Amino acid sequence: MRPKLVVAFVLLFAAVPSVAHADGPSGSKESNNAVKCGDGTDTPVGRLYGGANGVELCSDDNASPDGRIIVSFDGQYAAADGDKDNPQQAQGWARLDSSGPTCSTPQKQDSTQGPGGDCG
């Protein structure tokens, strides 16, 4: 799992200057703690979105881990969000924004909906 995430971060940040294939972080949707990717460029580690408002790497191929990594320029946050059917350590989300690091809670399962709870 970790090698896939490391490669995802490398591809994500390497592609930032040249990617403009979709509307950025809004390219995917989440329902019932499971992501559904939208249009974008397929890569070996997921579908890549990018635009003036940010970048997103999304995976919904049911080959764990599924979820998304988001860097939002408009919302000024970064987040890693894992689906509920991932192994336990890859479920939930972590988000970093101006309020500091926050994590998913039973009530907050979508990292795009603002800060969550304590990560401790």
PDB file of N, CA and C in Angstrom:
ATOM      1  N   MET A   1       0.819  -1.186   0.000  1.00  0.00           N
ATOM      2  CA  MET A   1       0.000   0.000   0.000  1.00  0.00           C
ATOM      3  C   MET A   1       0.868   1.258   0.000  1.00  0.00           C
ATOM      4  N   ARG A   2       1.843   1.347   0.855  1.00  0.00           N
ATOM      5  CA  ARG A   2       2.660   2.557   0.953  1.00  0.00           C
ATOM      6  C   ARG A   2       3.390   2.883  -0.348  1.00  0.00           C
ATOM      7  N   PRO A   3       3.971   1.902  -1.060  1.00  0.00           N
ATOM      8  CA  PRO A   3       4.618   2.260  -2.317  1.00  0.00           C
ATOM      9  C   PRO A   3       3.652   2.904  -3.311  1.00  0.00           C
ATOM     10  N   LYS A   4       2.403   2.431  -3.359  1.00  0.00           N
ATOM     11  CA  LYS A   4       1.417   3.007  -4.265  1.00  0.00           C
ATOM     12  C   LYS A   4       1.141   4.464  -3.895  1.00  0.00           C
ATOM     13  N   LEU A   5       1.057   4.762  -2.598  1.00  0.00           N
ATOM     14  CA  LEU A   5       0.805   6.137  -2.166  1.00  0.00           C
ATOM     15  C   LEU A   5       2.001   7.034  -2.438  1.00  0.00           C
ATOM     16  N   VAL A   6       3.214   6.524  -2.224  1.00  0.00           N
ATOM     17  CA  VAL A   6       4.409   7.323  -2.501  1.00  0.00           C
ATOM     18  C   VAL A   6       4.471   7.666  -3.978  1.00  0.00           C
ATOM     19  N   VAL A   7       4.251   6.686  -4.837  1.00  0.00           N
ATOM     20  CA  VAL A   7       4.248   6.939  -6.277  1.00  0.00           C
ATOM     21  C   VAL A   7       3.151   7.938  -6.620  1.00  0.00           C
ATOM     22  N   ALA A   8       2.000   7.832  -5.970  1.00  0.00           N
ATOM     23  CA  ALA A   8       0.892   8.751  -6.230  1.00  0.00           C
ATOM     24  C   ALA A   8       1.292  10.188  -5.906  1.00  0.00           C
ATOM     25  N   PHE A   9       1.919  10.405  -4.752  1.00  0.00           N
ATOM     26  CA  PHE A   9       2.347  11.758  -4.395  1.00  0.00           C
ATOM     27  C   PHE A   9       3.384  12.286  -5.383  1.00  0.00           C
ATOM     28  N   VAL A  10       4.333  11.450  -5.788  1.00  0.00           N
ATOM     29  CA  VAL A  10       5.353  11.883  -6.739  1.00  0.00           C
ATOM     30  C   VAL A  10       4.712  12.285  -8.057  1.00  0.00           C
ATOM     31  N   LEU A  11       3.817  11.436  -8.586  1.00  0.00           N
ATOM     32  CA  LEU A  11       3.140  11.768  -9.840  1.00  0.00           C
ATOM     33  C   LEU A  11       2.288  13.012  -9.701  1.00  0.00           C
ATOM     34  N   LEU A  12       1.615  13.137  -8.583  1.00  0.00           N
ATOM     35  CA  LEU A  12       0.748  14.278  -8.351  1.00  0.00           C
ATOM     36  C   LEU A  12       1.529  15.581  -8.421  1.00  0.00           C
ATOM     37  N   PHE A  13       2.615  15.674  -7.688  1.00  0.00           N
ATOM     38  CA  PHE A  13       3.362  16.921  -7.650  1.00  0.00           C
ATOM     39  C   PHE A  13       4.200  17.135  -8.904  1.00  0.00           C
ATOM     40  N   ALA A  14       4.623  16.080  -9.563  1.00  0.00           N
ATOM     41  CA  ALA A  14       5.360  16.221 -10.818  1.00  0.00           C
ATOM     42  C   ALA A  14       4.456  16.750 -11.923  1.00  0.00           C
ATOM     43  N   ALA A  15       3.176  16.434 -11.851  1.00  0.00           N
ATOM     44  CA  ALA A  15       2.246  16.812 -12.909  1.00  0.00           C
ATOM     45  C   ALA A  15       1.587  18.166 -12.703  1.00  0.00           C
ATOM     46  N   VAL A  16       1.721  18.767 -11.560  1.00  0.00           N
ATOM     47  CA  VAL A  16       1.010  20.010 -11.262  1.00  0.00           C
ATOM     48  C   VAL A  16       1.189  21.091 -12.319  1.00  0.00           C
ATOM     49  N   PRO A  17       2.391  21.391 -12.787  1.00  0.00           N
ATOM     50  CA  PRO A  17       2.528  22.501 -13.723  1.00  0.00           C
ATOM     51  C   PRO A  17       1.855  22.278 -15.072  1.00  0.00           C
ATOM     52  N   SER A  18       1.689  21.028 -15.521  1.00  0.00           N
ATOM     53  CA  SER A  18       1.233  20.802 -16.879  1.00  0.00           C
ATOM     54  C   SER A  18      -0.163  20.219 -17.004  1.00  0.00           C
ATOM     55  N   VAL A  19      -0.825  19.900 -15.922  1.00  0.00           N
ATOM     56  CA  VAL A  19      -2.109  19.216 -16.002  1.00  0.00           C
ATOM     57  C   VAL A  19      -3.246  20.224 -16.038  1.00  0.00           C
ATOM     58  N   ALA A  20      -4.160  20.048 -16.998  1.00  0.00           N
ATOM     59  CA  ALA A  20      -5.347  20.893 -17.071  1.00  0.00           C
ATOM     60  C   ALA A  20      -6.469  20.108 -17.735  1.00  0.00           C
ATOM     61  N   HIS A  21      -6.689  18.885 -17.275  1.00  0.00           N
ATOM     62  CA  HIS A  21      -7.634  17.986 -17.933  1.00  0.00           C
ATOM     63  C   HIS A  21      -9.047  18.054 -17.372  1.00  0.00           C
ATOM     64  N   ALA A  22      -9.229  18.614 -16.209  1.00  0.00           N
ATOM     65  CA  ALA A  22     -10.557  18.687 -15.612  1.00  0.00           C
ATOM     66  C   ALA A  22     -10.599  19.904 -14.703  1.00  0.00           C
ATOM     67  N   ASP A  23     -11.624  19.968 -13.870  1.00  0.00           N
ATOM     68  CA  ASP A  23     -11.816  21.129 -13.008  1.00  0.00           C
ATOM     69  C   ASP A  23     -11.081  21.039 -11.685  1.00  0.00           C
ATOM     70  N   GLY A  24     -10.203  20.092 -11.516  1.00  0.00           N
ATOM     71  CA  GLY A  24      -9.426  19.990 -10.285  1.00  0.00           C
ATOM     72  C   GLY A  24     -10.122  19.163  -9.238  1.00  0.00           C
ATOM     73  N   PRO A  25      -9.998  19.560  -7.972  1.00  0.00           N
ATOM     74  CA  PRO A  25     -10.504  18.739  -6.882  1.00  0.00           C
ATOM     75  C   PRO A  25     -11.985  18.367  -6.969  1.00  0.00           C
ATOM     76  N   SER A  26     -12.769  19.082  -7.711  1.00  0.00           N
ATOM     77  CA  SER A  26     -14.187  18.726  -7.819  1.00  0.00           C
ATOM     78  C   SER A  26     -14.434  17.631  -8.855  1.00  0.00           C
ATOM     79  N   GLY A  27     -13.393  17.037  -9.386  1.00  0.00           N
ATOM     80  CA  GLY A  27     -13.553  16.027 -10.422  1.00  0.00           C
ATOM     81  C   GLY A  27     -14.101  14.700  -9.952  1.00  0.00           C
ATOM     82  N   SER A  28     -14.134  14.445  -8.661  1.00  0.00           N
ATOM     83  CA  SER A  28     -14.688  13.191  -8.154  1.00  0.00           C
ATOM     84  C   SER A  28     -15.761  13.492  -7.123  1.00  0.00           C
ATOM     85  N   LYS A  29     -16.536  12.470  -6.829  1.00  0.00           N
ATOM     86  CA  LYS A  29     -17.606  12.594  -5.825  1.00  0.00           C
ATOM     87  C   LYS A  29     -17.446  11.470  -4.805  1.00  0.00           C
ATOM     88  N   GLU A  30     -17.929  11.701  -3.611  1.00  0.00           N
ATOM     89  CA  GLU A  30     -17.906  10.678  -2.581  1.00  0.00           C
ATOM     90  C   GLU A  30     -19.317  10.439  -2.073  1.00  0.00           C
ATOM     91  N   SER A  31     -19.669   9.164  -1.954  1.00  0.00           N
ATOM     92  CA  SER A  31     -20.970   8.787  -1.421  1.00  0.00           C
ATOM     93  C   SER A  31     -20.788   7.569  -0.533  1.00  0.00           C
ATOM     94  N   ASN A  32     -21.315   7.636   0.678  1.00  0.00           N
ATOM     95  CA  ASN A  32     -21.232   6.519   1.616  1.00  0.00           C
ATOM     96  C   ASN A  32     -19.784   6.084   1.832  1.00  0.00           C
ATOM     97  N   ASN A  33     -18.881   7.076   1.948  1.00  0.00           N
ATOM     98  CA  ASN A  33     -17.465   6.846   2.206  1.00  0.00           C
ATOM     99  C   ASN A  33     -16.798   5.996   1.123  1.00  0.00           C
ATOM    100  N   ALA A  34     -17.250   6.154  -0.120  1.00  0.00           N
ATOM    101  CA  ALA A  34     -16.623   5.500  -1.263  1.00  0.00           C
ATOM    102  C   ALA A  34     -16.536   6.522  -2.395  1.00  0.00           C
ATOM    103  N   VAL A  35     -15.350   6.691  -2.943  1.00  0.00           N
ATOM    104  CA  VAL A  35     -15.138   7.685  -3.991  1.00  0.00           C
ATOM    105  C   VAL A  35     -15.535   7.130  -5.351  1.00  0.00           C
ATOM    106  N   LYS A  36     -16.036   8.011  -6.202  1.00  0.00           N
ATOM    107  CA  LYS A  36     -16.314   7.705  -7.599  1.00  0.00           C
ATOM    108  C   LYS A  36     -15.551   8.734  -8.421  1.00  0.00           C
ATOM    109  N   CYS A  37     -14.566   8.269  -9.174  1.00  0.00           N
ATOM    110  CA  CYS A  37     -13.733   9.169  -9.959  1.00  0.00           C
ATOM    111  C   CYS A  37     -14.496   9.678 -11.167  1.00  0.00           C
ATOM    112  N   GLY A  38     -14.167  10.865 -11.586  1.00  0.00           N
ATOM    113  CA  GLY A  38     -14.750  11.458 -12.783  1.00  0.00           C
ATOM    114  C   GLY A  38     -13.764  11.392 -13.937  1.00  0.00           C
ATOM    115  N   ASP A  39     -13.869  12.319 -14.846  1.00  0.00           N
ATOM    116  CA  ASP A  39     -12.965  12.361 -15.996  1.00  0.00           C
ATOM    117  C   ASP A  39     -11.575  12.797 -15.563  1.00  0.00           C
ATOM    118  N   GLY A  40     -10.587  12.398 -16.334  1.00  0.00           N
ATOM    119  CA  GLY A  40      -9.209  12.783 -16.054  1.00  0.00           C
ATOM    120  C   GLY A  40      -8.264  11.940 -16.876  1.00  0.00           C
ATOM    121  N   THR A  41      -7.015  11.981 -16.527  1.00  0.00           N
ATOM    122  CA  THR A  41      -5.988  11.230 -17.223  1.00  0.00           C
ATOM    123  C   THR A  41      -5.625  10.010 -16.403  1.00  0.00           C
ATOM    124  N   ASP A  42      -5.772   8.826 -16.990  1.00  0.00           N
ATOM    125  CA  ASP A  42      -5.413   7.598 -16.282  1.00  0.00           C
ATOM    126  C   ASP A  42      -3.902   7.481 -16.174  1.00  0.00           C
ATOM    127  N   THR A  43      -3.439   7.120 -14.979  1.00  0.00           N
ATOM    128  CA  THR A  43      -2.026   6.873 -14.714  1.00  0.00           C
ATOM    129  C   THR A  43      -1.930   5.493 -14.071  1.00  0.00           C
ATOM    130  N   PRO A  44      -0.728   4.959 -13.883  1.00  0.00           N
ATOM    131  CA  PRO A  44      -0.607   3.650 -13.234  1.00  0.00           C
ATOM    132  C   PRO A  44      -1.157   3.600 -11.804  1.00  0.00           C
ATOM    133  N   VAL A  45      -1.317   4.746 -11.149  1.00  0.00           N
ATOM    134  CA  VAL A  45      -1.790   4.749  -9.758  1.00  0.00           C
ATOM    135  C   VAL A  45      -3.158   5.387  -9.573  1.00  0.00           C
ATOM    136  N   GLY A  46      -3.824   5.780 -10.633  1.00  0.00           N
ATOM    137  CA  GLY A  46      -5.153   6.370 -10.505  1.00  0.00           C
ATOM    138  C   GLY A  46      -5.407   7.394 -11.592  1.00  0.00           C
ATOM    139  N   ARG A  47      -6.547   8.068 -11.466  1.00  0.00           N
ATOM    140  CA  ARG A  47      -6.944   9.082 -12.439  1.00  0.00           C
ATOM    141  C   ARG A  47      -6.536  10.457 -11.915  1.00  0.00           C
ATOM    142  N   LEU A  48      -5.859  11.226 -12.751  1.00  0.00           N
ATOM    143  CA  LEU A  48      -5.305  12.509 -12.359  1.00  0.00           C
ATOM    144  C   LEU A  48      -6.136  13.655 -12.930  1.00  0.00           C
ATOM    145  N   TYR A  49      -6.492  14.595 -12.050  1.00  0.00           N
ATOM    146  CA  TYR A  49      -7.216  15.805 -12.431  1.00  0.00           C
ATOM    147  C   TYR A  49      -6.333  16.999 -12.107  1.00  0.00           C
ATOM    148  N   GLY A  50      -6.466  18.068 -12.845  1.00  0.00           N
ATOM    149  CA  GLY A  50      -5.733  19.273 -12.517  1.00  0.00           C
ATOM    150  C   GLY A  50      -6.365  20.492 -13.143  1.00  0.00           C
ATOM    151  N   GLY A  51      -6.185  21.622 -12.515  1.00  0.00           N
ATOM    152  CA  GLY A  51      -6.706  22.878 -13.024  1.00  0.00           C
ATOM    153  C   GLY A  51      -6.217  24.017 -12.171  1.00  0.00           C
ATOM    154  N   ALA A  52      -6.701  25.201 -12.458  1.00  0.00           N
ATOM    155  CA  ALA A  52      -6.272  26.383 -11.727  1.00  0.00           C
ATOM    156  C   ALA A  52      -6.652  26.325 -10.252  1.00  0.00           C
ATOM    157  N   ASN A  53      -7.681  25.534  -9.921  1.00  0.00           N
ATOM    158  CA  ASN A  53      -8.119  25.466  -8.529  1.00  0.00           C
ATOM    159  C   ASN A  53      -7.461  24.341  -7.732  1.00  0.00           C
ATOM    160  N   GLY A  54      -6.643  23.495  -8.355  1.00  0.00           N
ATOM    161  CA  GLY A  54      -5.948  22.457  -7.610  1.00  0.00           C
ATOM    162  C   GLY A  54      -5.749  21.200  -8.416  1.00  0.00           C
ATOM    163  N   VAL A  55      -5.278  20.160  -7.748  1.00  0.00           N
ATOM    164  CA  VAL A  55      -5.027  18.864  -8.384  1.00  0.00           C
ATOM    165  C   VAL A  55      -5.597  17.754  -7.511  1.00  0.00           C
ATOM    166  N   GLU A  56      -5.881  16.628  -8.149  1.00  0.00           N
ATOM    167  CA  GLU A  56      -6.447  15.488  -7.427  1.00  0.00           C
ATOM    168  C   GLU A  56      -6.017  14.202  -8.112  1.00  0.00           C
ATOM    169  N   LEU A  57      -5.650  13.220  -7.322  1.00  0.00           N
ATOM    170  CA  LEU A  57      -5.384  11.879  -7.811  1.00  0.00           C
ATOM    171  C   LEU A  57      -6.425  10.973  -7.178  1.00  0.00           C
ATOM    172  N   CYS A  58      -7.161  10.235  -8.004  1.00  0.00           N
ATOM    173  CA  CYS A  58      -8.306   9.455  -7.533  1.00  0.00           C
ATOM    174  C   CYS A  58      -8.190   8.011  -8.008  1.00  0.00           C
ATOM    175  N   SER A  59      -8.570   7.073  -7.140  1.00  0.00           N
ATOM    176  CA  SER A  59      -8.576   5.657  -7.507  1.00  0.00           C
ATOM    177  C   SER A  59      -9.872   5.021  -7.013  1.00  0.00           C
ATOM    178  N   ASP A  60     -10.632   4.434  -7.949  1.00  0.00           N
ATOM    179  CA  ASP A  60     -11.857   3.718  -7.580  1.00  0.00           C
ATOM    180  C   ASP A  60     -11.929   2.366  -8.284  1.00  0.00           C
ATOM    181  N   ASP A  61     -10.752   1.766  -8.535  1.00  0.00           N
ATOM    182  CA  ASP A  61     -10.690   0.520  -9.298  1.00  0.00           C
ATOM    183  C   ASP A  61     -10.882  -0.744  -8.446  1.00  0.00           C
ATOM    184  N   ASN A  62     -11.193  -0.579  -7.169  1.00  0.00           N
ATOM    185  CA  ASN A  62     -11.387  -1.687  -6.229  1.00  0.00           C
ATOM    186  C   ASN A  62     -10.121  -2.501  -6.002  1.00  0.00           C
ATOM    187  N   ALA A  63      -8.967  -1.949  -6.349  1.00  0.00           N
ATOM    188  CA  ALA A  63      -7.675  -2.534  -6.009  1.00  0.00           C
ATOM    189  C   ALA A  63      -7.078  -1.635  -4.930  1.00  0.00           C
ATOM    190  N   SER A  64      -7.233  -2.031  -3.704  1.00  0.00           N
ATOM    191  CA  SER A  64      -6.873  -1.204  -2.561  1.00  0.00           C
ATOM    192  C   SER A  64      -5.452  -0.659  -2.678  1.00  0.00           C
ATOM    193  N   PRO A  65      -5.208   0.585  -2.273  1.00  0.00           N
ATOM    194  CA  PRO A  65      -6.186   1.466  -1.650  1.00  0.00           C
ATOM    195  C   PRO A  65      -6.960   2.302  -2.664  1.00  0.00           C
ATOM    196  N   ASP A  66      -8.234   2.477  -2.405  1.00  0.00           N
ATOM    197  CA  ASP A  66      -9.084   3.371  -3.184  1.00  0.00           C
ATOM    198  C   ASP A  66      -9.291   4.649  -2.380  1.00  0.00           C
ATOM    199  N   GLY A  67      -9.448   5.744  -3.080  1.00  0.00           N
ATOM    200  CA  GLY A  67      -9.667   7.031  -2.439  1.00  0.00           C
ATOM    201  C   GLY A  67      -9.099   8.137  -3.297  1.00  0.00           C
ATOM    202  N   ARG A  68      -8.693   9.224  -2.649  1.00  0.00           N
ATOM    203  CA  ARG A  68      -8.170  10.353  -3.404  1.00  0.00           C
ATOM    204  C   ARG A  68      -7.201  11.169  -2.575  1.00  0.00           C
ATOM    205  N   ILE A  69      -6.301  11.817  -3.283  1.00  0.00           N
ATOM    206  CA  ILE A  69      -5.364  12.771  -2.701  1.00  0.00           C
ATOM    207  C   ILE A  69      -5.678  14.102  -3.358  1.00  0.00           C
ATOM    208  N   ILE A  70      -5.906  15.112  -2.535  1.00  0.00           N
ATOM    209  CA  ILE A  70      -6.364  16.412  -3.026  1.00  0.00           C
ATOM    210  C   ILE A  70      -5.424  17.512  -2.556  1.00  0.00           C
ATOM    211  N   VAL A  71      -5.094  18.412  -3.459  1.00  0.00           N
ATOM    212  CA  VAL A  71      -4.450  19.673  -3.113  1.00  0.00           C
ATOM    213  C   VAL A  71      -5.335  20.748  -3.725  1.00  0.00           C
ATOM    214  N   SER A  72      -6.050  21.476  -2.873  1.00  0.00           N
ATOM    215  CA  SER A  72      -6.988  22.502  -3.330  1.00  0.00           C
ATOM    216  C   SER A  72      -6.372  23.874  -3.147  1.00  0.00           C
ATOM    217  N   PHE A  73      -6.175  24.580  -4.263  1.00  0.00           N
ATOM    218  CA  PHE A  73      -5.664  25.947  -4.183  1.00  0.00           C
ATOM    219  C   PHE A  73      -6.776  26.891  -3.743  1.00  0.00           C
ATOM    220  N   ASP A  74      -7.993  26.688  -4.244  1.00  0.00           N
ATOM    221  CA  ASP A  74      -9.127  27.534  -3.862  1.00  0.00           C
ATOM    222  C   ASP A  74      -9.490  27.354  -2.395  1.00  0.00           C
ATOM    223  N   GLY A  75      -9.628  26.101  -1.962  1.00  0.00           N
ATOM    224  CA  GLY A  75      -9.994  25.824  -0.576  1.00  0.00           C
ATOM    225  C   GLY A  75      -8.817  25.874   0.373  1.00  0.00           C
ATOM    226  N   GLN A  76      -7.622  25.981  -0.156  1.00  0.00           N
ATOM    227  CA  GLN A  76      -6.383  26.064   0.616  1.00  0.00           C
ATOM    228  C   GLN A  76      -6.249  24.928   1.613  1.00  0.00           C
ATOM    229  N   TYR A  77      -6.318  23.701   1.094  1.00  0.00           N
ATOM    230  CA  TYR A  77      -6.093  22.530   1.931  1.00  0.00           C
ATOM    231  C   TYR A  77      -5.504  21.399   1.109  1.00  0.00           C
ATOM    232  N   ALA A  78      -4.946  20.438   1.822  1.00  0.00           N
ATOM    233  CA  ALA A  78      -4.478  19.194   1.223  1.00  0.00           C
ATOM    234  C   ALA A  78      -5.092  18.065   2.037  1.00  0.00           C
ATOM    235  N   ALA A  79      -5.465  16.981   1.372  1.00  0.00           N
ATOM    236  CA  ALA A  79      -6.105  15.869   2.084  1.00  0.00           C
ATOM    237  C   ALA A  79      -5.802  14.542   1.396  1.00  0.00           C
ATOM    238  N   ALA A  80      -5.765  13.495   2.198  1.00  0.00           N
ATOM    239  CA  ALA A  80      -5.710  12.121   1.700  1.00  0.00           C
ATOM    240  C   ALA A  80      -6.945  11.435   2.274  1.00  0.00           C
ATOM    241  N   ASP A  81      -7.750  10.824   1.417  1.00  0.00           N
ATOM    242  CA  ASP A  81      -9.072  10.317   1.792  1.00  0.00           C
ATOM    243  C   ASP A  81      -9.212   8.882   1.296  1.00  0.00           C
ATOM    244  N   GLY A  82      -9.312   7.913   2.217  1.00  0.00           N
ATOM    245  CA  GLY A  82      -9.407   6.499   1.854  1.00  0.00           C
ATOM    246  C   GLY A  82     -10.816   5.949   1.999  1.00  0.00           C
ATOM    247  N   ASP A  83     -11.193   5.046   1.112  1.00  0.00           N
ATOM    248  CA  ASP A  83     -12.525   4.438   1.121  1.00  0.00           C
ATOM    249  C   ASP A  83     -12.714   3.455   2.270  1.00  0.00           C
ATOM    250  N   LYS A  84     -13.979   3.201   2.602  1.00  0.00           N
ATOM    251  CA  LYS A  84     -14.318   2.307   3.715  1.00  0.00           C
ATOM    252  C   LYS A  84     -13.958   0.855   3.446  1.00  0.00           C
ATOM    253  N   ASP A  85     -13.807   0.448   2.179  1.00  0.00           N
ATOM    254  CA  ASP A  85     -13.474  -0.939   1.890  1.00  0.00           C
ATOM    255  C   ASP A  85     -11.966  -1.183   1.804  1.00  0.00           C
ATOM    256  N   ASN A  86     -11.158  -0.169   2.094  1.00  0.00           N
ATOM    257  CA  ASN A  86      -9.711  -0.339   2.194  1.00  0.00           C
ATOM    258  C   ASN A  86      -9.367  -1.079   3.483  1.00  0.00           C
ATOM    259  N   PRO A  87      -8.143  -1.596   3.593  1.00  0.00           N
ATOM    260  CA  PRO A  87      -7.702  -2.109   4.893  1.00  0.00           C
ATOM    261  C   PRO A  87      -7.829  -1.006   5.953  1.00  0.00           C
ATOM    262  N   GLN A  88      -7.986  -1.378   7.185  1.00  0.00           N
ATOM    263  CA  GLN A  88      -8.259  -0.438   8.281  1.00  0.00           C
ATOM    264  C   GLN A  88      -7.319   0.772   8.273  1.00  0.00           C
ATOM    265  N   GLN A  89      -6.029   0.556   8.083  1.00  0.00           N
ATOM    266  CA  GLN A  89      -5.071   1.665   8.146  1.00  0.00           C
ATOM    267  C   GLN A  89      -5.196   2.632   6.968  1.00  0.00           C
ATOM    268  N   ALA A  90      -5.938   2.279   5.928  1.00  0.00           N
ATOM    269  CA  ALA A  90      -6.110   3.158   4.759  1.00  0.00           C
ATOM    270  C   ALA A  90      -7.541   3.673   4.643  1.00  0.00           C
ATOM    271  N   GLN A  91      -8.319   3.574   5.710  1.00  0.00           N
ATOM    272  CA  GLN A  91      -9.679   4.118   5.726  1.00  0.00           C
ATOM    273  C   GLN A  91      -9.655   5.508   6.348  1.00  0.00           C
ATOM    274  N   GLY A  92     -10.706   6.270   6.115  1.00  0.00           N
ATOM    275  CA  GLY A  92     -10.815   7.600   6.700  1.00  0.00           C
ATOM    276  C   GLY A  92      -9.979   8.605   5.947  1.00  0.00           C
ATOM    277  N   TRP A  93      -9.771   9.763   6.564  1.00  0.00           N
ATOM    278  CA  TRP A  93      -9.015  10.806   5.898  1.00  0.00           C
ATOM    279  C   TRP A  93      -8.240  11.659   6.888  1.00  0.00           C
ATOM    280  N   ALA A  94      -7.258  12.351   6.337  1.00  0.00           N
ATOM    281  CA  ALA A  94      -6.496  13.358   7.074  1.00  0.00           C
ATOM    282  C   ALA A  94      -6.449  14.594   6.189  1.00  0.00           C
ATOM    283  N   ARG A  95      -6.567  15.753   6.817  1.00  0.00           N
ATOM    284  CA  ARG A  95      -6.630  17.020   6.073  1.00  0.00           C
ATOM    285  C   ARG A  95      -5.764  18.042   6.792  1.00  0.00           C
ATOM    286  N   LEU A  96      -5.082  18.864   6.007  1.00  0.00           N
ATOM    287  CA  LEU A  96      -4.284  19.951   6.550  1.00  0.00           C
ATOM    288  C   LEU A  96      -4.742  21.245   5.905  1.00  0.00           C
ATOM    289  N   ASP A  97      -5.182  22.188   6.735  1.00  0.00           N
ATOM    290  CA  ASP A  97      -5.576  23.509   6.256  1.00  0.00           C
ATOM    291  C   ASP A  97      -5.181  24.542   7.299  1.00  0.00           C
ATOM    292  N   SER A  98      -5.688  25.744   7.205  1.00  0.00           N
ATOM    293  CA  SER A  98      -5.278  26.813   8.119  1.00  0.00           C
ATOM    294  C   SER A  98      -5.626  26.531   9.578  1.00  0.00           C
ATOM    295  N   SER A  99      -6.563  25.613   9.823  1.00  0.00           N
ATOM    296  CA  SER A  99      -6.897  25.264  11.211  1.00  0.00           C
ATOM    297  C   SER A  99      -5.997  24.161  11.747  1.00  0.00           C
ATOM    298  N   GLY A 100      -5.059  23.685  10.923  1.00  0.00           N
ATOM    299  CA  GLY A 100      -4.142  22.627  11.343  1.00  0.00           C
ATOM    300  C   GLY A 100      -4.612  21.277  10.835  1.00  0.00           C
ATOM    301  N   PRO A 101      -3.977  20.205  11.299  1.00  0.00           N
ATOM    302  CA  PRO A 101      -4.375  18.868  10.850  1.00  0.00           C
ATOM    303  C   PRO A 101      -5.674  18.413  11.516  1.00  0.00           C
ATOM    304  N   THR A 102      -6.562  17.833  10.724  1.00  0.00           N
ATOM    305  CA  THR A 102      -7.777  17.218  11.252  1.00  0.00           C
ATOM    306  C   THR A 102      -7.986  15.893  10.537  1.00  0.00           C
ATOM    307  N   CYS A 103      -8.830  15.042  11.136  1.00  0.00           N
ATOM    308  CA  CYS A 103      -9.070  13.705  10.597  1.00  0.00           C
ATOM    309  C   CYS A 103     -10.559  13.394  10.569  1.00  0.00           C
ATOM    310  N   SER A 104     -10.885  12.314   9.864  1.00  0.00           N
ATOM    311  CA  SER A 104     -12.288  11.912   9.735  1.00  0.00           C
ATOM    312  C   SER A 104     -12.869  11.521  11.088  1.00  0.00           C
ATOM    313  N   THR A 105     -14.175  11.654  11.186  1.00  0.00           N
ATOM    314  CA  THR A 105     -14.938  11.226  12.353  1.00  0.00           C
ATOM    315  C   THR A 105     -16.126  10.412  11.843  1.00  0.00           C
ATOM    316  N   PRO A 106     -16.845   9.712  12.710  1.00  0.00           N
ATOM    317  CA  PRO A 106     -18.030   8.992  12.231  1.00  0.00           C
ATOM    318  C   PRO A 106     -19.046   9.914  11.547  1.00  0.00           C
ATOM    319  N   GLN A 107     -19.098  11.175  11.947  1.00  0.00           N
ATOM    320  CA  GLN A 107     -20.033  12.123  11.350  1.00  0.00           C
ATOM    321  C   GLN A 107     -19.463  12.801  10.109  1.00  0.00           C
ATOM    322  N   LYS A 108     -18.165  12.873   9.979  1.00  0.00           N
ATOM    323  CA  LYS A 108     -17.505  13.553   8.852  1.00  0.00           C
ATOM    324  C   LYS A 108     -16.662  12.547   8.093  1.00  0.00           C
ATOM    325  N   GLN A 109     -17.186  12.060   6.971  1.00  0.00           N
ATOM    326  CA  GLN A 109     -16.503  11.049   6.180  1.00  0.00           C
ATOM    327  C   GLN A 109     -15.984  11.564   4.841  1.00  0.00           C
ATOM    328  N   ASP A 110     -16.154  12.854   4.543  1.00  0.00           N
ATOM    329  CA  ASP A 110     -15.725  13.429   3.278  1.00  0.00           C
ATOM    330  C   ASP A 110     -14.774  14.587   3.559  1.00  0.00           C
ATOM    331  N   SER A 111     -13.509  14.444   3.161  1.00  0.00           N
ATOM    332  CA  SER A 111     -12.497  15.460   3.464  1.00  0.00           C
ATOM    333  C   SER A 111     -12.761  16.789   2.761  1.00  0.00           C
ATOM    334  N   THR A 112     -13.591  16.803   1.715  1.00  0.00           N
ATOM    335  CA  THR A 112     -13.863  18.051   1.005  1.00  0.00           C
ATOM    336  C   THR A 112     -14.874  18.921   1.744  1.00  0.00           C
ATOM    337  N   GLN A 113     -15.478  18.405   2.794  1.00  0.00           N
ATOM    338  CA  GLN A 113     -16.540  19.124   3.507  1.00  0.00           C
ATOM    339  C   GLN A 113     -16.037  19.915   4.710  1.00  0.00           C
ATOM    340  N   GLY A 114     -14.760  20.257   4.711  1.00  0.00           N
ATOM    341  CA  GLY A 114     -14.230  21.072   5.786  1.00  0.00           C
ATOM    342  C   GLY A 114     -13.506  20.257   6.836  1.00  0.00           C
ATOM    343  N   PRO A 115     -12.910  20.955   7.811  1.00  0.00           N
ATOM    344  CA  PRO A 115     -12.133  20.288   8.848  1.00  0.00           C
ATOM    345  C   PRO A 115     -12.952  19.236   9.598  1.00  0.00           C
ATOM    346  N   GLY A 116     -12.245  18.232  10.095  1.00  0.00           N
ATOM    347  CA  GLY A 116     -12.870  17.159  10.855  1.00  0.00           C
ATOM    348  C   GLY A 116     -12.529  17.248  12.326  1.00  0.00           C
ATOM    349  N   GLY A 117     -12.240  16.104  12.907  1.00  0.00           N
ATOM    350  CA  GLY A 117     -11.948  16.037  14.328  1.00  0.00           C
ATOM    351  C   GLY A 117     -10.452  15.895  14.611  1.00  0.00           C
ATOM    352  N   ASP A 118     -10.158  15.688  15.874  1.00  0.00           N
ATOM    353  CA  ASP A 118      -8.793  15.525  16.337  1.00  0.00           C
ATOM    354  C   ASP A 118      -8.159  14.268  15.744  1.00  0.00           C
ATOM    355  N   CYS A 119      -6.923  14.359  15.347  1.00  0.00           N
ATOM    356  CA  CYS A 119      -6.226  13.205  14.761  1.00  0.00           C
ATOM    357  C   CYS A 119      -5.573  12.316  15.827  1.00  0.00           C
ATOM    358  N   GLY A 120      -5.626  12.717  17.067  1.00  0.00           N
ATOM    359  CA  GLY A 120      -4.958  11.971  18.139  1.00  0.00           C
ATOM    360  C   GLY A 120      -5.662  10.775  18.504  1.00  0.00           C
TER     361      GLY A 120
END
